[in-house]
Protein backbone atom coordinates (compact mmCIF):
# COMPACT_ATOMS: atom_id res chain seq x y z
CA MET A 1 122.77 123.22 -44.53
CA SER A 2 121.79 124.05 -48.12
CA ILE A 3 122.21 121.62 -51.01
CA ILE A 4 121.54 122.41 -54.66
CA PHE A 5 121.08 120.00 -57.56
CA ILE A 6 121.89 121.45 -60.99
CA THR A 7 121.33 119.43 -64.15
CA GLY A 8 123.87 119.76 -66.92
CA SER A 9 126.43 121.24 -64.55
CA GLY A 10 129.62 119.59 -65.73
CA ARG A 11 130.42 122.56 -67.96
CA ARG A 12 129.27 125.89 -69.36
CA LEU A 13 126.46 127.75 -67.56
CA GLY A 14 125.62 124.87 -65.21
CA LYS A 15 129.23 124.64 -64.07
CA GLY A 16 129.37 128.39 -63.53
CA LEU A 17 126.23 128.31 -61.42
CA ALA A 18 127.56 125.39 -59.38
CA LEU A 19 130.81 127.22 -58.64
CA GLU A 20 129.00 130.39 -57.61
CA PHE A 21 126.71 128.49 -55.24
CA ALA A 22 129.76 126.70 -53.81
CA ARG A 23 131.35 130.09 -53.12
CA LYS A 24 128.23 130.92 -51.12
CA GLY A 25 128.79 127.79 -49.02
CA TRP A 26 126.22 125.50 -50.65
CA ASP A 27 126.85 121.78 -51.13
CA ILE A 28 126.49 120.76 -54.76
CA ILE A 29 125.02 117.83 -56.69
CA ILE A 30 126.45 117.78 -60.20
CA HIS A 31 124.62 116.04 -63.03
CA TYR A 32 126.30 115.48 -66.39
CA ASN A 33 126.10 113.27 -69.43
CA ASN A 34 128.47 114.12 -72.29
CA SER A 35 130.87 116.39 -70.38
CA VAL A 36 132.88 113.46 -69.01
CA SER A 37 136.26 115.09 -69.64
CA GLN A 38 135.28 118.30 -67.81
CA VAL A 39 133.36 116.98 -64.82
CA GLU A 40 136.36 115.81 -62.77
CA GLN A 41 137.84 119.28 -62.92
CA THR A 42 134.48 120.83 -62.03
CA VAL A 43 134.04 118.62 -58.96
CA ALA A 44 137.64 119.29 -57.87
CA GLN A 45 137.17 123.05 -58.19
CA ILE A 46 134.01 122.90 -56.10
CA ARG A 47 135.59 120.80 -53.35
CA GLU A 48 138.53 123.22 -53.20
CA LEU A 49 136.00 125.80 -52.05
CA GLY A 50 135.40 123.76 -48.89
CA VAL A 51 131.96 122.35 -49.64
CA ARG A 52 130.71 118.85 -50.38
CA CYS A 53 130.10 117.80 -53.95
CA SER A 54 128.69 114.61 -55.45
CA SER A 55 128.08 113.87 -59.11
CA PHE A 56 126.32 111.35 -61.30
CA ARG A 57 126.09 110.67 -65.00
CA ALA A 58 122.79 110.06 -66.80
CA ASP A 59 120.97 110.97 -69.98
CA VAL A 60 118.61 113.69 -68.81
CA LYS A 61 115.90 112.24 -71.07
CA ASP A 62 116.02 108.87 -69.27
CA TYR A 63 113.71 109.07 -66.24
CA ASN A 64 114.90 105.81 -64.66
CA ALA A 65 118.59 106.68 -65.05
CA MET A 66 118.05 110.14 -63.59
CA LYS A 67 116.07 108.77 -60.63
CA SER A 68 118.66 106.08 -59.93
CA GLY A 69 121.55 108.55 -60.06
CA PHE A 70 119.69 111.13 -57.98
CA ASP A 71 118.76 108.60 -55.29
CA GLU A 72 122.36 107.42 -55.08
CA VAL A 73 123.88 110.85 -54.52
CA VAL A 74 121.10 111.82 -52.10
CA SER A 75 122.05 108.83 -49.96
CA GLU A 76 125.59 110.27 -49.79
CA ILE A 77 125.02 114.00 -49.47
CA GLY A 78 121.38 114.47 -48.46
CA HIS A 79 118.27 115.70 -50.26
CA PRO A 80 118.72 119.06 -52.01
CA ASN A 81 116.75 122.15 -51.08
CA VAL A 82 116.85 123.48 -54.63
CA LEU A 83 116.59 121.93 -58.09
CA VAL A 84 117.89 123.92 -61.05
CA ASN A 85 116.73 122.47 -64.37
CA ASN A 86 119.50 123.68 -66.65
CA ALA A 87 120.42 120.88 -69.09
CA ALA A 88 119.29 121.79 -72.61
CA ILE A 89 120.33 121.68 -76.24
CA TYR A 90 120.44 124.44 -78.88
CA PRO A 91 120.47 122.71 -82.25
CA ALA A 92 121.66 124.18 -85.52
CA SER A 93 119.34 126.49 -87.44
CA ASN A 94 116.85 124.70 -89.69
CA HIS A 95 113.75 125.73 -91.58
CA LEU A 96 110.56 123.68 -91.22
CA ALA A 97 111.25 121.51 -94.27
CA GLU A 98 114.72 120.67 -92.93
CA THR A 99 113.60 119.91 -89.37
CA GLU A 100 113.31 116.17 -88.91
CA LEU A 101 110.76 114.79 -86.48
CA THR A 102 113.59 113.09 -84.61
CA LEU A 103 115.17 116.51 -83.97
CA TRP A 104 111.85 117.88 -82.72
CA ASP A 105 111.54 114.95 -80.30
CA GLU A 106 115.16 115.30 -79.14
CA VAL A 107 114.73 118.99 -78.34
CA MET A 108 111.36 118.57 -76.62
CA ASP A 109 112.51 115.60 -74.57
CA THR A 110 115.71 117.35 -73.48
CA ASN A 111 114.54 120.93 -73.01
CA LEU A 112 111.02 120.39 -71.69
CA LYS A 113 110.05 116.82 -70.80
CA SER A 114 113.20 116.34 -68.70
CA TYR A 115 112.29 119.41 -66.61
CA PHE A 116 108.93 117.80 -65.81
CA GLN A 117 110.56 114.46 -65.03
CA ASN A 118 113.21 116.02 -62.78
CA ALA A 119 110.52 117.91 -60.88
CA LYS A 120 108.75 114.60 -60.19
CA ILE A 121 111.98 113.03 -58.94
CA PHE A 122 112.88 116.04 -56.79
CA CYS A 123 109.41 116.36 -55.25
CA GLU A 124 109.05 112.73 -54.17
CA ASN A 125 110.87 113.49 -50.92
CA ALA A 126 111.24 117.25 -51.13
CA LEU A 127 112.10 119.13 -47.97
CA PRO A 128 109.88 121.89 -46.61
CA ASP A 129 110.73 125.31 -48.04
CA SER A 130 112.13 123.87 -51.28
CA ARG A 131 112.49 125.55 -54.66
CA ILE A 132 112.60 124.60 -58.32
CA ILE A 133 114.24 127.00 -60.77
CA ASN A 134 113.90 126.34 -64.48
CA ILE A 135 116.34 127.85 -66.95
CA ALA A 136 114.21 129.06 -69.85
CA SER A 137 115.44 131.55 -72.47
CA MET A 138 114.56 134.81 -74.21
CA GLY A 139 113.82 132.39 -77.04
CA ALA A 140 110.60 131.65 -75.15
CA PHE A 141 109.39 135.16 -76.00
CA ARG A 142 111.26 136.20 -79.15
CA ILE A 143 111.15 133.98 -82.22
CA TRP A 144 114.56 133.37 -83.80
CA LYS A 145 114.58 132.31 -87.45
CA GLY A 146 115.24 128.62 -87.95
CA ARG A 147 114.89 127.72 -84.25
CA ILE A 148 111.35 126.32 -84.21
CA PRO A 149 111.87 123.40 -81.78
CA TYR A 150 114.06 125.47 -79.45
CA ASN A 151 111.65 128.43 -79.33
CA VAL A 152 108.67 126.16 -78.63
CA SER A 153 110.50 124.10 -76.01
CA LYS A 154 111.56 127.17 -74.05
CA ALA A 155 108.08 128.70 -74.24
CA GLY A 156 106.91 125.40 -72.80
CA VAL A 157 109.37 125.76 -69.92
CA VAL A 158 107.80 129.09 -68.93
CA GLN A 159 104.31 127.57 -68.97
CA LEU A 160 105.50 124.45 -67.13
CA THR A 161 106.96 126.74 -64.46
CA LYS A 162 103.59 128.38 -63.89
CA ALA A 163 101.74 125.06 -63.87
CA LEU A 164 104.18 123.54 -61.38
CA ALA A 165 104.04 126.65 -59.19
CA LEU A 166 100.28 126.29 -58.86
CA ASP A 167 100.42 122.53 -58.36
CA LEU A 168 103.20 122.52 -55.75
CA ALA A 169 102.10 125.49 -53.64
CA PRO A 170 102.24 126.14 -50.74
CA ASN A 171 105.29 123.98 -49.95
CA ILE A 172 107.52 124.51 -52.99
CA ALA A 173 108.16 127.67 -55.01
CA VAL A 174 108.77 127.31 -58.75
CA ASN A 175 110.22 130.09 -60.90
CA SER A 176 112.13 130.46 -64.16
CA VAL A 177 115.07 132.52 -65.40
CA SER A 178 115.29 133.52 -69.07
CA PRO A 179 118.80 134.49 -70.17
CA GLY A 180 119.48 136.33 -73.40
CA SER A 181 122.84 135.76 -75.06
CA ILE A 182 125.36 134.66 -72.44
CA ASP A 183 129.09 134.87 -73.16
CA ILE A 184 130.71 131.85 -71.51
CA ASP A 185 134.45 131.24 -71.82
CA ASP A 186 134.11 127.81 -73.42
CA ASP A 187 130.95 128.59 -75.33
CA LEU A 188 130.34 129.76 -78.88
CA PRO A 189 132.49 132.56 -80.34
CA VAL A 190 130.92 135.92 -79.43
CA GLU A 191 130.10 136.67 -83.07
CA LYS A 192 127.89 133.55 -83.20
CA LEU A 193 125.72 134.39 -80.19
CA ALA A 194 122.03 134.76 -81.06
CA ILE A 195 121.68 138.39 -79.99
CA LYS A 196 124.11 141.08 -81.13
CA THR A 197 125.29 143.65 -78.57
CA GLY A 198 123.95 146.49 -80.72
CA ASN A 199 120.43 145.20 -80.01
CA ILE A 200 120.97 145.03 -76.24
CA PRO A 201 120.34 148.27 -74.32
CA MET A 202 123.12 147.45 -71.84
CA GLN A 203 125.49 147.07 -74.82
CA ARG A 204 127.03 143.77 -73.78
CA HIS A 205 126.30 140.08 -73.61
CA GLY A 206 125.41 138.55 -70.27
CA SER A 207 127.74 136.61 -68.01
CA THR A 208 127.34 133.56 -65.81
CA GLY A 209 127.37 135.95 -62.85
CA ASP A 210 124.38 137.83 -64.25
CA VAL A 211 122.37 134.62 -64.52
CA PHE A 212 123.55 133.47 -61.10
CA ASP A 213 122.19 136.63 -59.47
CA ALA A 214 118.70 135.76 -60.72
CA VAL A 215 118.96 132.07 -59.84
CA TYR A 216 120.32 132.84 -56.37
CA PHE A 217 117.49 135.31 -55.78
CA PHE A 218 114.89 132.64 -56.49
CA ALA A 219 116.86 130.06 -54.47
CA THR A 220 116.78 132.23 -51.35
CA ALA A 221 113.70 134.43 -51.75
CA SER A 222 110.42 134.00 -49.92
CA LEU A 223 108.24 131.08 -51.03
CA TYR A 224 105.59 133.73 -51.61
CA ILE A 225 107.43 134.57 -54.84
CA THR A 226 106.38 131.77 -57.16
CA GLY A 227 105.28 131.27 -60.75
CA GLN A 228 107.50 134.12 -61.91
CA ASN A 229 109.94 134.51 -64.81
CA LEU A 230 112.94 136.81 -64.63
CA CYS A 231 114.60 137.93 -67.87
CA VAL A 232 118.37 138.33 -67.71
CA ASP A 233 118.94 139.98 -71.06
CA GLY A 234 120.33 143.47 -70.53
CA GLY A 235 116.99 144.96 -71.54
CA TYR A 236 116.78 143.13 -74.88
CA HIS A 237 113.10 142.32 -74.31
CA LEU A 238 112.35 146.05 -74.37
């Protein structure tokens, strides 16, 4: 029996990943915070696929709340085999002078520190042959104007992935996936996505399915594959 825990999975990319794993027969642990209105529908859709699904609400930045919620659902559904650190924020564009220290802290705590905290929670009683998959971004490698905290936080995710992979070997594999611009039905209008299709060799934005293929690969691949990052960007990095 395979169980996956995906943070920020009440909506958008996290929801899409949860549904795709459910279609593969995985049981799902949903975490959410602000997507209260969407999460009931998400859980219902997953259960309609014939798998188990539990959910809990917590601020991903709050270690104690995350641990309490995680422990509660684990007592119901069992300990997950895979953790996907997905919850993140993408704040509005700001130059250095306009970037408040509170915004910097909010982005770092959400996009980077929470990944570290969730890894600690997950690994306390991790099963043999477990995996951690961190959702990074092409913003870890390409600097986008006005996105200083975001770019730095996602670069940190890639380095955290490598550090965790070394620390947790040989029992747990840790890898990251770096999407480019992903077109999600309830996301930003296409014209507002960070990368324009004319700059993408494959001439289109990515889909949830494209990201899922990479995440599923790391979720099921040999533990020997660890400390790696896979770009899902249609060749944009080229």
